[in-house]
Amino acid sequence: MLWVAAACLVAGCSSTVTGTAVRTGASAAPDVPQLREAQLDDVMLGLADLATIVGASELETILDSEEMSDNVDVVSDPACLGAIMGAEDAVYAGSGWTAVRDHVVGDPDDEHWIEQTAVLFPSEEQAHGFYGDATAMWSRCAGSSVSLDDTDVGYVWDVGPLEEADYMITQVTTEQDYDDWRCQHAMSHASNLVVETWACAFGSTDGAVAIAERMLENASQA
């Protein structure tokens, strides 16, 4: 994501929202065929579906991109960039990825922030290899604090423990100045596809998993 999108993630907000994330409860990844770049748009969720999952009344697009982002220069520990930001060029560099769709949305009241990313690889083996590398990175960064700084603002994120279940890895980060503003980070893969998601809200920590599950369901029907 661009810094403007990243700033929405870390800004923290002053009001409280209610709502429960919707999860599918799937225990195994859907059977996804080998995908082509033209099918990536079909993997992504629409605004209405995202709003339903996170319990938002309205969502607006902040960023809609077919490129990776570059925020490596604003993090205190570049080795943990992939644990606190999604769709980062420095994180995916060398993995062999061939195409990406990155969509960041939020609501007018700054009560939700969501990112969904679909990344295509030439083969299932390369997608699985990147997933393994990401798992190792998130695990190394668990328990650390990473700051984000630009010329005007700075934020510190506490990175929670890595959780591995079924075909998904997840991690929760908390902004130090806003203890109740939490972001769940999730990643999964199937066939030659990797999906990476973020869902930030007050107290809610399940949205990213539900979004990733739905993206894989879409991929199975692409």
Protein backbone atom coordinates (compact mmCIF):
# COMPACT_ATOMS: atom_id res chain seq x y z
CA MET A 1 0.00 0.00 0.00
CA LEU A 2 1.10 3.58 -0.51
CA TRP A 3 1.96 5.61 2.58
CA VAL A 4 -1.40 7.38 2.41
CA ALA A 5 -3.09 3.99 2.74
CA ALA A 6 -0.65 2.88 5.42
CA ALA A 7 -1.40 6.01 7.41
CA CYS A 8 -5.06 5.04 7.52
CA LEU A 9 -4.06 1.75 9.11
CA VAL A 10 -1.91 3.29 11.82
CA ALA A 11 -3.77 6.51 12.55
CA GLY A 12 -5.96 5.10 15.30
CA CYS A 13 -9.45 6.47 15.87
CA SER A 14 -11.44 7.92 18.71
CA SER A 15 -14.84 6.19 18.50
CA THR A 16 -16.00 2.65 19.17
CA VAL A 17 -17.88 0.40 16.76
CA THR A 18 -19.86 -2.74 17.33
CA GLY A 19 -20.09 -5.62 14.91
CA THR A 20 -19.05 -9.23 14.58
CA ALA A 21 -16.91 -10.58 11.77
CA VAL A 22 -18.45 -13.39 9.74
CA ARG A 23 -16.38 -16.56 9.33
CA THR A 24 -17.05 -19.50 7.11
CA GLY A 25 -15.50 -22.08 9.41
CA ALA A 26 -13.81 -23.90 6.52
CA SER A 27 -11.27 -26.51 7.62
CA ALA A 28 -9.52 -27.01 4.29
CA ALA A 29 -8.61 -24.76 1.39
CA PRO A 30 -11.01 -24.90 -1.57
CA ASP A 31 -9.86 -26.71 -4.70
CA VAL A 32 -8.49 -23.85 -6.80
CA PRO A 33 -7.46 -24.36 -10.45
CA GLN A 34 -4.32 -22.87 -11.95
CA LEU A 35 -5.21 -19.21 -12.38
CA ARG A 36 -4.36 -16.63 -15.03
CA GLU A 37 -3.87 -12.91 -14.44
CA ALA A 38 -7.21 -12.13 -16.10
CA GLN A 39 -8.94 -14.09 -13.32
CA LEU A 40 -7.46 -12.13 -10.41
CA ASP A 41 -10.25 -9.55 -10.43
CA ASP A 42 -12.73 -12.37 -9.85
CA VAL A 43 -10.88 -13.32 -6.66
CA MET A 44 -11.44 -9.92 -5.05
CA LEU A 45 -14.44 -9.12 -2.85
CA GLY A 46 -16.76 -6.20 -3.53
CA LEU A 47 -17.44 -3.40 -1.09
CA ALA A 48 -20.79 -4.83 0.00
CA ASP A 49 -19.29 -8.22 0.83
CA LEU A 50 -16.43 -6.64 2.76
CA ALA A 51 -18.84 -4.47 4.71
CA THR A 52 -20.94 -7.49 5.66
CA ILE A 53 -17.91 -9.44 6.85
CA VAL A 54 -16.58 -6.72 9.16
CA GLY A 55 -19.92 -5.27 10.22
CA ALA A 56 -19.46 -1.87 8.57
CA SER A 57 -22.40 0.18 7.37
CA GLU A 58 -20.48 1.71 4.47
CA LEU A 59 -17.03 1.31 2.92
CA GLU A 60 -15.12 3.45 0.42
CA THR A 61 -12.11 2.63 -1.74
CA ILE A 62 -8.83 4.17 -0.57
CA LEU A 63 -6.49 2.38 -2.99
CA ASP A 64 -7.09 0.09 -5.98
CA SER A 65 -3.82 -1.01 -7.54
CA GLU A 66 -2.19 -3.55 -9.84
CA GLU A 67 1.24 -2.87 -8.34
CA MET A 68 3.11 -3.69 -5.16
CA SER A 69 3.80 -0.86 -2.72
CA ASP A 70 7.12 0.39 -1.36
CA ASN A 71 7.20 1.40 2.30
CA VAL A 72 10.48 -0.22 3.29
CA ASP A 73 12.05 3.16 4.09
CA VAL A 74 9.47 4.10 6.74
CA VAL A 75 9.75 1.05 8.99
CA SER A 76 12.25 0.75 11.84
CA ASP A 77 12.91 -2.93 11.09
CA PRO A 78 12.75 -3.78 7.37
CA ALA A 79 13.04 -7.47 8.24
CA CYS A 80 9.55 -7.22 9.74
CA LEU A 81 8.00 -5.17 6.94
CA GLY A 82 5.91 -8.13 5.80
CA ALA A 83 4.51 -8.62 9.30
CA ILE A 84 3.06 -5.11 9.54
CA MET A 85 2.21 -4.18 5.93
CA GLY A 86 0.69 -5.99 2.98
CA ALA A 87 1.50 -6.10 -0.73
CA GLU A 88 5.05 -4.84 -0.20
CA ASP A 89 7.50 -5.05 -3.10
CA ALA A 90 10.48 -5.71 -0.83
CA VAL A 91 8.64 -8.63 0.79
CA TYR A 92 7.61 -10.33 -2.46
CA ALA A 93 10.90 -9.55 -4.26
CA GLY A 94 12.62 -12.67 -5.54
CA SER A 95 9.56 -14.87 -5.04
CA GLY A 96 8.73 -15.03 -8.75
CA TRP A 97 5.30 -13.39 -8.47
CA THR A 98 3.81 -12.28 -11.78
CA ALA A 99 0.67 -10.24 -11.03
CA VAL A 100 -1.08 -8.56 -8.10
CA ARG A 101 -4.39 -6.93 -7.23
CA ASP A 102 -4.38 -4.77 -4.10
CA HIS A 103 -7.51 -3.11 -2.73
CA VAL A 104 -7.65 -0.94 0.40
CA VAL A 105 -10.97 0.31 1.80
CA GLY A 106 -12.23 2.13 4.87
CA ASP A 107 -15.39 3.74 6.20
CA PRO A 108 -16.12 7.48 6.50
CA ASP A 109 -15.96 7.33 10.31
CA ASP A 110 -12.53 5.63 10.33
CA GLU A 111 -13.91 2.69 12.29
CA HIS A 112 -12.72 0.01 9.83
CA TRP A 113 -9.69 -0.39 7.58
CA ILE A 114 -9.39 -3.37 5.23
CA GLU A 115 -6.84 -4.55 2.67
CA GLN A 116 -7.26 -7.51 0.34
CA THR A 117 -4.39 -8.62 -1.88
CA ALA A 118 -4.30 -11.40 -4.47
CA VAL A 119 -0.88 -12.39 -5.84
CA LEU A 120 -0.31 -14.75 -8.75
CA PHE A 121 2.73 -17.02 -9.20
CA PRO A 122 3.84 -19.12 -12.17
CA SER A 123 3.37 -22.35 -10.21
CA GLU A 124 1.84 -23.82 -7.07
CA GLU A 125 5.34 -24.62 -5.82
CA GLN A 126 6.38 -20.97 -5.94
CA ALA A 127 3.21 -19.83 -4.19
CA HIS A 128 3.76 -22.44 -1.49
CA GLY A 129 7.40 -21.38 -1.17
CA PHE A 130 6.48 -17.75 -0.59
CA TYR A 131 3.85 -18.79 1.96
CA GLY A 132 6.54 -20.71 3.84
CA ASP A 133 8.89 -17.73 3.78
CA ALA A 134 6.13 -15.44 5.07
CA THR A 135 5.33 -17.88 7.86
CA ALA A 136 8.96 -17.80 8.97
CA MET A 137 9.07 -13.98 8.82
CA TRP A 138 5.90 -13.50 10.83
CA SER A 139 7.17 -15.98 13.41
CA ARG A 140 10.51 -14.17 13.78
CA CYS A 141 8.75 -10.82 14.22
CA ALA A 142 6.22 -12.04 16.80
CA GLY A 143 6.65 -10.19 20.09
CA SER A 144 8.51 -7.28 18.53
CA SER A 145 7.61 -3.59 18.28
CA VAL A 146 8.00 -1.89 14.90
CA SER A 147 7.69 1.83 14.29
CA LEU A 148 6.43 3.55 11.14
CA ASP A 149 7.68 7.07 10.52
CA ASP A 150 7.31 9.70 7.84
CA THR A 151 8.06 13.42 8.06
CA ASP A 152 4.98 14.29 10.10
CA VAL A 153 3.81 11.30 12.12
CA GLY A 154 5.16 8.18 13.78
CA TYR A 155 3.46 5.09 15.15
CA VAL A 156 4.62 1.98 17.00
CA TRP A 157 2.98 -1.38 16.40
CA ASP A 158 3.22 -4.36 18.75
CA VAL A 159 3.27 -7.62 16.78
CA GLY A 160 1.40 -10.52 18.35
CA PRO A 161 2.14 -14.25 18.17
CA LEU A 162 1.85 -16.19 14.94
CA GLU A 163 -1.08 -18.58 14.73
CA GLU A 164 -1.18 -21.43 12.23
CA ALA A 165 -4.42 -23.31 11.63
CA ASP A 166 -5.44 -25.46 8.70
CA TYR A 167 -4.29 -23.62 5.58
CA MET A 168 -4.04 -20.11 7.11
CA ILE A 169 -1.54 -18.07 9.11
CA THR A 170 -2.73 -15.13 11.20
CA GLN A 171 -1.24 -12.47 13.43
CA VAL A 172 -2.70 -9.52 15.35
CA THR A 173 -0.94 -6.18 15.67
CA THR A 174 -1.89 -3.43 18.12
CA GLU A 175 -1.04 0.27 17.83
CA GLN A 176 0.56 1.38 21.10
CA ASP A 177 -1.35 4.64 21.47
CA TYR A 178 -4.72 2.98 20.80
CA ASP A 179 -4.83 -0.37 22.60
CA ASP A 180 -8.30 -1.27 21.35
CA TRP A 181 -7.50 -0.53 17.68
CA ARG A 182 -6.37 -3.93 16.43
CA CYS A 183 -5.45 -5.32 13.05
CA GLN A 184 -5.67 -8.96 12.09
CA HIS A 185 -3.29 -10.03 9.33
CA ALA A 186 -3.98 -13.26 7.45
CA MET A 187 -2.40 -15.17 4.58
CA SER A 188 -3.28 -18.33 2.72
CA HIS A 189 -2.47 -19.98 -0.59
CA ALA A 190 -4.04 -22.40 -3.04
CA SER A 191 -2.79 -23.51 -6.42
CA ASN A 192 -0.62 -20.67 -7.82
CA LEU A 193 -2.38 -18.00 -5.74
CA VAL A 194 -1.48 -16.28 -2.47
CA VAL A 195 -4.08 -14.14 -0.71
CA GLU A 196 -3.06 -11.65 1.98
CA THR A 197 -5.58 -9.67 4.01
CA TRP A 198 -5.78 -7.07 6.77
CA ALA A 199 -8.80 -6.07 8.84
CA CYS A 200 -8.50 -3.31 11.44
CA ALA A 201 -11.25 -2.28 13.85
CA PHE A 202 -11.89 -1.58 17.50
CA GLY A 203 -11.59 -4.86 19.36
CA SER A 204 -12.34 -7.04 16.32
CA THR A 205 -9.74 -9.60 15.24
CA ASP A 206 -11.48 -12.08 12.92
CA GLY A 207 -12.18 -10.09 9.75
CA ALA A 208 -8.98 -10.85 7.85
CA VAL A 209 -9.49 -14.61 8.09
CA ALA A 210 -13.07 -14.39 6.84
CA ILE A 211 -11.99 -12.20 3.91
CA ALA A 212 -9.16 -14.57 2.95
CA GLU A 213 -11.53 -17.55 3.08
CA ARG A 214 -14.00 -15.79 0.80
CA MET A 215 -11.24 -14.85 -1.64
CA LEU A 216 -10.21 -18.50 -1.91
CA GLU A 217 -13.84 -19.47 -2.46
CA ASN A 218 -14.00 -16.94 -5.29
CA ALA A 219 -10.77 -18.35 -6.74
CA SER A 220 -12.23 -21.86 -6.76
CA GLN A 221 -15.03 -20.57 -9.00
CA ALA A 222 -12.92 -18.32 -11.23
